[in-house]
Protein backbone atom coordinates (compact mmCIF):
# COMPACT_ATOMS: atom_id res chain seq x y z
CA MET A 1 0.00 0.03 0.01
CA ASN A 2 1.78 3.08 -1.24
CA ARG A 3 1.56 6.57 0.25
CA ASN A 4 -0.56 7.97 -2.56
CA PHE A 5 -3.18 5.14 -2.04
CA ILE A 6 -3.26 5.85 1.74
CA LYS A 7 -3.44 9.62 1.14
CA ASN A 8 -6.39 9.35 -1.27
CA MET A 9 -8.19 6.77 0.77
CA LEU A 10 -7.93 8.96 4.02
CA ARG A 11 -9.01 11.97 2.02
CA LEU A 12 -12.20 10.23 1.21
CA ALA A 13 -12.77 7.85 3.96
CA LEU A 14 -12.27 10.09 6.96
CA PRO A 15 -14.93 12.72 6.24
CA ILE A 16 -17.37 9.96 5.33
CA ALA A 17 -16.56 8.04 8.50
CA PHE A 18 -16.85 11.14 10.61
CA GLN A 19 -20.19 11.98 9.05
CA GLN A 20 -21.36 8.47 9.85
CA LEU A 21 -20.03 8.90 13.42
CA LEU A 22 -22.05 12.07 13.84
CA VAL A 23 -25.18 10.18 12.73
CA SER A 24 -24.42 7.39 15.03
CA CYS A 25 -23.72 9.57 17.95
CA ALA A 26 -26.97 11.25 17.33
CA GLN A 27 -28.69 7.91 17.49
CA LEU A 28 -26.91 7.19 20.70
CA ILE A 29 -27.82 10.50 22.16
CA ASP A 30 -31.47 9.88 21.18
CA THR A 31 -31.33 6.51 22.86
CA ALA A 32 -29.79 8.02 26.00
CA MET A 33 -32.42 10.67 26.37
CA VAL A 34 -35.26 8.20 25.53
CA THR A 35 -33.76 5.76 27.95
CA LYS A 36 -34.69 8.10 30.84
CA LEU A 37 -38.33 7.47 29.91
CA GLY A 38 -38.06 3.71 30.66
CA ASN A 39 -37.88 0.41 28.79
CA VAL A 40 -41.29 0.87 27.09
CA ALA A 41 -40.20 4.05 25.53
CA VAL A 42 -36.92 2.51 24.37
CA SER A 43 -38.72 -0.48 22.89
CA ALA A 44 -41.18 1.85 21.18
CA VAL A 45 -38.50 3.74 19.53
CA GLY A 46 -36.77 0.52 18.61
CA VAL A 47 -39.80 -1.01 16.87
CA SER A 48 -40.64 2.30 15.11
CA SER A 49 -37.08 2.57 13.94
CA ARG A 50 -37.33 -0.69 12.13
CA TRP A 51 -39.65 0.83 9.56
CA ILE A 52 -37.55 3.93 9.33
CA PHE A 53 -34.60 1.59 8.90
CA LEU A 54 -36.36 -0.19 6.06
CA MET A 55 -37.29 3.22 4.35
CA ASN A 56 -33.73 4.45 4.59
CA LEU A 57 -32.52 1.10 3.10
CA PHE A 58 -34.63 1.85 0.01
CA TYR A 59 -32.97 5.14 -0.18
CA PHE A 60 -29.58 3.53 0.33
CA GLY A 61 -30.33 1.07 -2.46
CA ILE A 62 -31.30 3.90 -4.81
CA SER A 63 -28.33 6.09 -3.92
CA SER A 64 -25.89 3.28 -3.88
CA GLY A 65 -27.00 2.13 -7.36
CA SER A 66 -26.83 5.67 -8.66
CA ALA A 67 -23.36 6.04 -7.11
CA ALA A 68 -22.12 3.11 -9.11
CA LEU A 69 -23.07 5.01 -12.29
CA ILE A 70 -22.03 8.45 -11.06
CA SER A 71 -18.55 7.33 -10.04
CA GLN A 72 -17.86 5.65 -13.33
CA PHE A 73 -19.29 8.63 -15.23
CA TRP A 74 -17.06 10.82 -13.06
CA GLY A 75 -13.97 8.83 -14.17
CA ALA A 76 -15.15 9.03 -17.77
CA LYS A 77 -15.93 12.81 -17.38
CA GLU A 78 -19.50 12.50 -18.58
CA LYS A 79 -21.21 15.49 -16.84
CA LYS A 80 -24.61 15.16 -18.30
CA ASN A 81 -24.92 11.53 -17.42
CA ILE A 82 -23.94 12.32 -13.81
CA GLN A 83 -26.81 14.94 -13.75
CA LYS A 84 -29.35 12.54 -15.26
CA SER A 85 -28.25 9.74 -12.87
CA TYR A 86 -28.81 12.04 -9.89
CA GLY A 87 -32.21 13.28 -11.34
CA VAL A 88 -33.48 9.79 -11.74
CA ALA A 89 -32.40 8.74 -8.25
CA LEU A 90 -34.30 11.77 -6.86
CA LEU A 91 -37.49 10.68 -8.70
CA PHE A 92 -37.23 7.08 -7.49
CA GLY A 93 -36.60 8.22 -3.89
CA ALA A 94 -39.58 10.56 -3.94
CA GLY A 95 -41.78 7.65 -4.98
CA VAL A 96 -40.61 5.54 -2.04
CA ALA A 97 -40.91 8.43 0.31
CA VAL A 98 -44.56 8.98 -0.53
CA VAL A 99 -45.49 5.34 0.10
CA PHE A 100 -43.74 5.12 3.49
CA SER A 101 -44.79 8.46 4.76
CA LEU A 102 -48.51 7.81 4.00
CA SER A 103 -48.30 4.32 5.53
CA MET A 104 -46.47 5.52 8.70
CA PHE A 105 -49.12 8.30 9.27
CA VAL A 106 -52.30 6.43 8.38
CA ILE A 107 -51.68 2.84 9.66
CA PRO A 108 -48.85 3.05 12.16
CA GLN A 109 -50.49 0.76 14.71
CA TYR A 110 -50.61 -2.04 12.17
CA MET A 111 -47.12 -1.59 11.17
CA ILE A 112 -45.98 -1.69 14.84
CA ARG A 113 -47.89 -4.87 15.45
CA VAL A 114 -45.58 -6.63 13.02
CA PHE A 115 -42.81 -6.55 15.60
CA THR A 116 -44.60 -6.58 18.95
CA GLY A 117 -47.91 -7.47 20.43
CA GLU A 118 -47.42 -5.49 23.67
CA GLN A 119 -50.21 -2.85 23.67
CA GLU A 120 -48.28 -0.43 25.92
CA VAL A 121 -45.39 -0.39 23.45
CA ILE A 122 -47.70 -0.04 20.53
CA ASP A 123 -49.51 3.01 21.98
CA VAL A 124 -46.26 4.80 22.64
CA ALA A 125 -44.69 3.86 19.27
CA VAL A 126 -47.70 5.18 17.33
CA GLN A 127 -47.10 8.65 18.78
CA TYR A 128 -43.62 8.55 17.56
CA MET A 129 -44.21 7.16 14.17
CA LYS A 130 -47.04 9.69 13.26
CA ILE A 131 -44.62 12.51 13.64
CA VAL A 132 -41.48 11.08 11.92
CA ALA A 133 -43.67 10.02 9.01
CA PHE A 134 -43.30 13.53 7.66
CA MET A 135 -39.56 13.19 7.20
CA GLY A 136 -39.73 10.73 4.29
CA LEU A 137 -39.05 13.16 1.46
CA PHE A 138 -36.27 15.02 3.46
CA SER A 139 -34.57 11.75 4.19
CA ALA A 140 -34.72 10.70 0.54
CA PHE A 141 -33.18 14.02 -0.64
CA ASN A 142 -30.52 13.96 2.04
CA GLN A 143 -29.28 10.42 1.40
CA ILE A 144 -29.41 10.58 -2.35
CA SER A 145 -27.69 14.06 -2.51
CA CYS A 146 -24.92 13.14 0.02
CA THR A 147 -24.16 9.96 -1.88
CA ALA A 148 -24.12 11.78 -5.21
CA LEU A 149 -21.70 14.45 -3.89
CA ARG A 150 -19.41 11.78 -2.46
CA ALA A 151 -19.43 9.83 -5.67
CA THR A 152 -17.93 12.90 -7.36
CA GLU A 153 -15.38 13.20 -4.58
CA ARG A 154 -17.05 16.12 -2.72
CA VAL A 155 -17.03 14.59 0.80
CA ASN A 156 -16.98 17.87 2.85
CA PRO A 157 -20.51 19.27 2.21
CA PRO A 158 -22.26 16.12 3.35
CA LEU A 159 -20.05 16.15 6.50
CA ILE A 160 -20.76 19.81 7.31
CA THR A 161 -24.52 19.61 6.79
CA SER A 162 -24.66 16.40 8.91
CA PHE A 163 -22.80 18.15 11.69
CA ILE A 164 -25.35 20.99 11.73
CA SER A 165 -28.29 18.64 11.56
CA VAL A 166 -26.91 16.40 14.39
CA ALA A 167 -26.20 19.39 16.68
CA THR A 168 -29.66 20.69 16.02
CA ASN A 169 -31.18 17.28 16.75
CA THR A 170 -29.28 17.00 20.04
CA VAL A 171 -30.31 20.39 21.25
CA LEU A 172 -33.90 19.98 20.26
CA ASN A 173 -33.99 16.53 22.02
CA TYR A 174 -32.82 18.15 25.24
CA ILE A 175 -35.38 20.88 24.91
CA LEU A 176 -38.46 19.00 23.71
CA ILE A 177 -38.09 15.77 25.55
CA ASN A 178 -37.47 17.41 28.90
CA GLY A 179 -39.47 20.64 28.46
CA LYS A 180 -36.74 23.25 28.70
CA LEU A 181 -36.72 26.97 27.71
CA GLY A 182 -40.43 27.24 28.26
CA PHE A 183 -41.49 24.33 25.99
CA PRO A 184 -43.67 21.62 27.39
CA ALA A 185 -42.08 18.19 28.15
CA LEU A 186 -43.22 16.13 25.18
CA GLY A 187 -41.32 12.94 26.11
CA ILE A 188 -41.09 10.53 23.06
CA ARG A 189 -43.05 12.96 20.85
CA GLY A 190 -40.28 15.51 21.51
CA ALA A 191 -37.66 13.01 20.29
CA ALA A 192 -39.76 12.56 17.07
CA PHE A 193 -40.15 16.35 16.50
CA ALA A 194 -36.36 16.80 17.03
CA THR A 195 -35.66 14.22 14.42
CA LEU A 196 -38.10 15.75 11.92
CA ILE A 197 -36.88 19.28 12.17
CA SER A 198 -33.16 18.32 12.02
CA THR A 199 -33.75 16.18 8.96
CA ALA A 200 -35.57 18.99 7.28
CA LEU A 201 -32.82 21.44 8.15
CA GLN A 202 -30.17 19.27 6.49
CA SER A 203 -32.36 19.11 3.34
CA VAL A 204 -32.42 23.00 3.23
CA LEU A 205 -28.63 23.25 3.76
CA LEU A 206 -27.86 20.61 1.14
CA PHE A 207 -30.14 22.38 -1.44
CA ILE A 208 -28.33 25.61 -0.80
CA VAL A 209 -25.01 23.89 -1.29
CA LEU A 210 -26.07 22.24 -4.58
CA ARG A 211 -27.58 25.40 -5.99
CA THR A 212 -24.75 27.79 -5.11
CA SER A 213 -21.64 25.73 -5.82
CA LYS A 214 -19.89 25.90 -9.08
CA ASP A 215 -19.82 22.17 -10.03
CA ILE A 216 -21.78 19.50 -11.79
CA TYR A 217 -24.92 19.75 -9.50
CA ASN A 218 -25.49 23.40 -10.15
CA GLY A 219 -27.08 23.21 -13.51
CA LYS A 220 -30.56 23.87 -15.05
CA LEU A 221 -33.19 21.76 -13.44
CA LYS A 222 -34.22 20.46 -16.79
CA GLU A 223 -30.81 18.99 -17.35
CA PHE A 224 -31.39 16.61 -14.43
CA PHE A 225 -34.90 15.52 -15.52
CA ARG A 226 -34.53 15.50 -19.27
CA LEU A 227 -34.63 11.63 -19.38
CA SER A 228 -34.92 9.33 -22.26
CA LYS A 229 -36.52 5.91 -21.96
CA ASP A 230 -33.09 4.27 -22.78
CA PHE A 231 -31.31 6.12 -19.93
CA VAL A 232 -34.07 5.35 -17.40
CA ARG A 233 -33.84 1.71 -18.53
CA ARG A 234 -29.97 1.87 -18.16
CA PHE A 235 -30.34 3.37 -14.71
CA SER A 236 -32.95 0.80 -13.65
CA ILE A 237 -30.76 -2.19 -14.76
CA VAL A 238 -28.03 -1.10 -12.42
CA CYS A 239 -30.05 0.47 -9.63
CA LEU A 240 -33.14 -1.72 -9.11
CA PRO A 241 -31.13 -4.90 -8.26
CA VAL A 242 -29.41 -2.84 -5.51
CA VAL A 243 -32.74 -1.74 -4.12
CA PHE A 244 -34.13 -5.30 -4.24
CA ASN A 245 -30.88 -6.47 -2.54
CA GLU A 246 -31.28 -3.91 0.19
CA VAL A 247 -34.96 -4.69 0.62
CA ALA A 248 -34.33 -8.42 0.75
CA TRP A 249 -31.74 -7.88 3.30
CA ALA A 250 -33.85 -5.54 5.40
CA ILE A 251 -36.81 -7.88 5.43
CA GLY A 252 -34.55 -10.73 6.64
CA THR A 253 -33.09 -8.37 9.19
CA ASN A 254 -36.53 -7.31 10.36
CA ILE A 255 -37.50 -10.89 10.76
CA TYR A 256 -34.58 -11.31 13.14
CA VAL A 257 -35.93 -8.27 15.00
CA MET A 258 -39.34 -9.77 15.15
CA VAL A 259 -37.69 -12.77 16.95
CA PHE A 260 -35.61 -10.45 19.18
CA ALA A 261 -38.55 -8.23 20.17
CA ARG A 262 -40.55 -11.35 21.40
CA GLN A 263 -37.81 -12.23 23.94
CA GLY A 264 -39.27 -9.65 26.30
CA ASN A 265 -39.10 -5.81 27.01
CA GLU A 266 -35.80 -6.03 28.96
CA ALA A 267 -33.98 -8.12 26.34
CA TYR A 268 -35.24 -6.02 23.50
CA ALA A 269 -34.31 -2.78 25.38
CA GLY A 270 -30.82 -4.15 25.76
CA TYR A 271 -30.66 -5.03 22.09
CA THR A 272 -31.91 -1.50 21.15
CA ILE A 273 -29.08 0.07 23.26
CA PHE A 274 -26.53 -2.29 21.78
CA SER A 275 -27.57 -1.28 18.33
CA SER A 276 -26.65 2.31 19.05
CA ILE A 277 -23.20 1.46 20.00
CA GLU A 278 -22.91 -1.07 17.15
CA GLN A 279 -23.51 1.81 14.77
CA ILE A 280 -20.70 3.90 16.20
CA ALA A 281 -18.23 1.02 15.71
CA PHE A 282 -19.53 0.50 12.22
CA VAL A 283 -18.65 4.09 11.03
CA PHE A 284 -15.07 3.19 10.23
CA PHE A 285 -16.18 0.58 7.78
CA VAL A 286 -18.65 2.88 6.08
CA GLY A 287 -15.79 5.26 5.42
CA ILE A 288 -13.71 2.56 3.94
CA CYS A 289 -16.51 1.05 1.98
CA HIS A 290 -17.48 4.36 0.36
CA ALA A 291 -13.89 5.30 -0.31
CA CYS A 292 -13.41 1.92 -2.05
CA SER A 293 -16.56 2.49 -4.12
CA ILE A 294 -15.50 5.93 -5.21
CA MET A 295 -11.89 5.04 -6.02
CA THR A 296 -12.75 1.73 -7.68
CA GLY A 297 -15.73 3.17 -9.80
CA LYS A 298 -13.69 6.07 -10.98
CA THR A 299 -10.80 3.82 -12.05
CA ILE A 300 -13.11 1.55 -13.99
CA GLY A 301 -14.69 4.57 -15.64
CA GLU A 302 -11.23 5.63 -16.69
CA GLY A 303 -10.82 2.27 -18.47
CA ASN A 304 -8.25 0.77 -15.97
CA SER A 305 -9.77 -2.54 -14.93
CA ASP A 306 -6.51 -3.97 -13.59
CA GLY A 307 -5.90 -0.90 -11.48
CA ALA A 308 -9.46 -1.13 -10.02
CA TYR A 309 -8.88 -4.74 -9.04
CA LYS A 310 -5.58 -3.90 -7.17
CA LEU A 311 -7.25 -0.96 -5.52
CA ALA A 312 -10.28 -3.02 -4.24
CA LYS A 313 -7.89 -5.78 -3.06
CA LYS A 314 -6.21 -3.24 -0.73
CA PHE A 315 -9.51 -2.34 0.76
CA VAL A 316 -10.40 -6.02 1.18
CA ILE A 317 -7.18 -6.63 3.10
CA MET A 318 -7.73 -3.52 5.27
CA THR A 319 -11.25 -4.51 6.39
CA PRO A 320 -10.38 -7.33 8.89
CA ILE A 321 -7.31 -5.39 10.13
CA ILE A 322 -9.51 -2.41 11.09
CA GLY A 323 -12.04 -4.94 12.51
CA ILE A 324 -9.39 -6.24 14.94
CA ILE A 325 -8.39 -2.76 16.03
CA THR A 326 -11.96 -1.36 16.35
CA GLY A 327 -13.21 -4.59 18.12
CA THR A 328 -10.39 -4.47 20.75
CA ILE A 329 -11.10 -0.76 21.53
CA PHE A 330 -14.80 -1.20 21.98
CA MET A 331 -14.39 -4.29 23.97
CA PHE A 332 -12.70 -2.42 26.72
CA ILE A 333 -14.83 0.76 26.54
CA ARG A 334 -18.23 -0.94 26.21
CA ASN A 335 -19.15 -0.83 29.98
CA PRO A 336 -18.07 2.85 30.54
CA MET A 337 -20.06 3.80 27.47
CA LEU A 338 -23.16 1.92 28.74
CA SER A 339 -22.68 3.48 32.13
CA LEU A 340 -23.31 6.89 30.52
CA LEU A 341 -26.83 5.86 29.74
CA GLU A 342 -29.50 5.78 32.43
CA ILE A 343 -30.58 2.31 31.65
CA GLU A 344 -33.67 1.36 33.62
CA THR A 345 -32.82 -2.16 34.68
CA GLN A 346 -29.57 -4.02 35.33
CA GLY A 347 -30.83 -6.88 33.04
CA ALA A 348 -31.06 -4.65 30.03
CA PHE A 349 -27.49 -3.26 30.92
CA ASP A 350 -26.01 -6.83 31.10
CA ILE A 351 -27.69 -7.93 27.85
CA ALA A 352 -26.38 -4.87 26.10
CA SER A 353 -22.88 -5.50 27.46
CA LYS A 354 -22.80 -9.07 26.35
CA LEU A 355 -24.09 -8.24 22.82
CA VAL A 356 -21.31 -5.61 22.42
CA MET A 357 -18.71 -8.03 23.55
CA ILE A 358 -19.94 -10.64 20.92
CA TYR A 359 -19.99 -8.08 18.23
CA CYS A 360 -16.43 -6.94 18.99
CA LEU A 361 -15.12 -10.52 18.78
CA TRP A 362 -16.84 -11.08 15.42
CA LEU A 363 -15.98 -7.70 13.94
CA PRO A 364 -12.95 -8.81 11.81
CA ILE A 365 -15.20 -11.14 9.83
CA ARG A 366 -18.55 -9.18 9.99
CA ASN A 367 -17.66 -6.55 7.45
CA ILE A 368 -15.80 -8.43 4.77
CA PRO A 369 -18.98 -9.09 2.72
CA TYR A 370 -20.07 -5.42 3.29
CA THR A 371 -16.80 -4.06 1.85
CA LEU A 372 -16.98 -6.51 -1.17
CA ILE A 373 -20.60 -6.32 -2.05
CA VAL A 374 -21.41 -2.68 -1.38
CA GLY A 375 -17.98 -1.10 -1.87
CA THR A 376 -16.39 -3.25 -4.59
CA PHE A 377 -19.05 -5.16 -6.68
CA ARG A 378 -21.53 -2.27 -6.97
CA ALA A 379 -18.77 0.09 -7.93
CA GLY A 380 -17.81 -2.41 -10.61
CA GLY A 381 -21.37 -2.60 -11.91
CA ASP A 382 -22.03 -6.08 -10.59
CA THR A 383 -25.22 -5.12 -8.72
CA ARG A 384 -27.16 -8.33 -8.98
CA VAL A 385 -24.93 -10.84 -7.18
CA GLY A 386 -25.72 -9.46 -3.66
CA ILE A 387 -29.26 -10.63 -3.94
CA PHE A 388 -28.25 -14.15 -4.53
CA TYR A 389 -25.83 -14.12 -1.65
CA ASP A 390 -28.27 -12.60 0.80
CA CYS A 391 -31.04 -15.06 -0.20
CA ILE A 392 -28.81 -17.95 0.63
CA SER A 393 -27.30 -16.65 3.86
CA LEU A 394 -30.41 -14.94 5.20
CA TYR A 395 -33.44 -16.90 4.11
CA LEU A 396 -32.06 -20.39 3.74
CA ILE A 397 -29.78 -20.36 6.71
CA GLY A 398 -29.82 -17.32 9.14
CA VAL A 399 -33.67 -16.61 9.48
CA PRO A 400 -34.75 -20.25 10.02
CA VAL A 401 -31.96 -20.99 12.55
CA VAL A 402 -32.60 -17.81 14.59
CA ALA A 403 -36.36 -18.33 14.46
CA ILE A 404 -36.15 -21.88 15.79
CA LEU A 405 -33.63 -21.03 18.45
CA GLY A 406 -35.64 -17.92 19.59
CA LEU A 407 -39.34 -19.05 19.33
CA VAL A 408 -39.08 -22.88 19.79
CA VAL A 409 -35.89 -23.71 21.71
CA LYS A 410 -35.92 -20.38 23.51
CA VAL A 411 -32.21 -19.98 24.14
CA ASP A 412 -30.59 -17.05 25.96
CA PHE A 413 -30.64 -13.84 24.00
CA GLU A 414 -26.95 -13.60 23.25
CA TYR A 415 -27.03 -17.03 21.57
CA LEU A 416 -29.47 -15.59 19.00
CA LEU A 417 -26.93 -12.92 18.00
CA ILE A 418 -24.02 -15.47 17.78
CA ALA A 419 -26.24 -17.74 15.54
CA MET A 420 -27.23 -14.84 13.36
CA TYR A 421 -23.58 -13.82 12.76
CA ILE A 422 -22.34 -17.29 12.06
CA CYS A 423 -25.12 -18.32 9.71
CA GLU A 424 -25.15 -15.04 7.80
CA ASP A 425 -21.51 -13.95 7.60
CA ILE A 426 -19.52 -17.10 7.02
CA PRO A 427 -21.42 -18.17 3.85
CA LYS A 428 -21.61 -14.68 2.52
CA ALA A 429 -17.96 -14.01 3.06
CA LEU A 430 -16.82 -17.19 1.35
CA MET A 431 -19.04 -16.56 -1.71
CA SER A 432 -18.01 -12.84 -1.97
CA LEU A 433 -14.26 -13.69 -1.80
CA HIS A 434 -14.65 -16.21 -4.55
CA ARG A 435 -16.52 -13.74 -6.76
CA PHE A 436 -13.88 -11.08 -6.09
CA ARG A 437 -11.02 -13.28 -7.18
CA SER A 438 -12.86 -14.12 -10.43
CA ARG A 439 -12.87 -10.46 -11.47
CA LYS A 440 -16.32 -10.95 -13.01
CA TRP A 441 -17.61 -8.00 -11.08
CA ILE A 442 -15.63 -5.54 -13.26
CA ARG A 443 -18.05 -4.02 -15.77
CA ASN A 444 -17.63 -0.60 -17.40
CA LEU A 445 -21.08 1.06 -17.18
CA THR A 446 -20.05 3.95 -19.31
CA ASP A 447 -19.99 1.72 -22.38
CA LYS A 448 -23.12 2.12 -24.29
């Protein structure tokens, strides 16, 4: 790994990782503030967040698919195709946003019942979901715009706007949840309003950045939406498999959560708290993955397939190394981090601590498939293979095993997480590494 590679990787990875860290810290702060309201409130936010998670995965699939095209068009210096890719992505995202927002506002109680039958949790979760339902379009615009900017190596605007949004969310959480500065104490509804307002603020800031900067995204609006059937078809061939992949993965993941949520309030509260810390550890891999995608896609767009393979190989090697370092650090700081949260019961604290420990030990393996499928294969234009790998690892192995262990055998909660990791990650990692070595994932999308 030469100095030039390290320099370029850090230039892209660090701002992206820091942006993700801000978002994860915001989630942890949200959890910390909601934790004060008790296990029911934590569980309510947890089950509501599963639908928000699914909605955001649709957006991630759209933006990730569009980034595959944009990064290669960036390497090939095709400005108009970059603009059209961004425009199509926004249209797809808006369609998804309308469906989710309407559903979350009109039938939230039915959506919550998918994950829990506890009426107390459902009643609280409905209050939260009816408010965050309005952030659908804002979330779509934010995620797609940030990804498009990063795909053209503009990593600072997403970071700066995220920082302002997270800071706003934190301040509003404190004010609205607890009733400060003359505002009434809104409890969980305050957390929802804080999320909605801060998400909308980031959309405003990103729009200003896009419309005032002197680059590709400051063009006439008609240039973004002057779309031919051929280009939409081209975009769909690349993007839709990514969306289907993310949705398939999300549905499988939500089935896991359905099993987890039925292990009791205390256990699921511990899992929700663990998830917030897991997201903080994950930020380093998000940075590496996106840097890999940008650098690999651009190199393929320039017509250098061999160079793209060598670049991607360096990222694959780095992933488990960073997993060992990150896992070791979080293993030692997990209990001090959890102690900062006012967790209602010792049982929830103990479960969260055990889950973080398991995650840390598994971290060197956990993100190998993520770097390959999301960071490498998609950048190379190979967007379909992930669906196949997820169907095997999730639906044929992971979900049945976890469901049997959790609902029939009724093992301790931590063994469910261990089973999920082993059943999902090992097969997926082996298949992904085999695909990587074959080089069949390298496809130049700029060729007509």
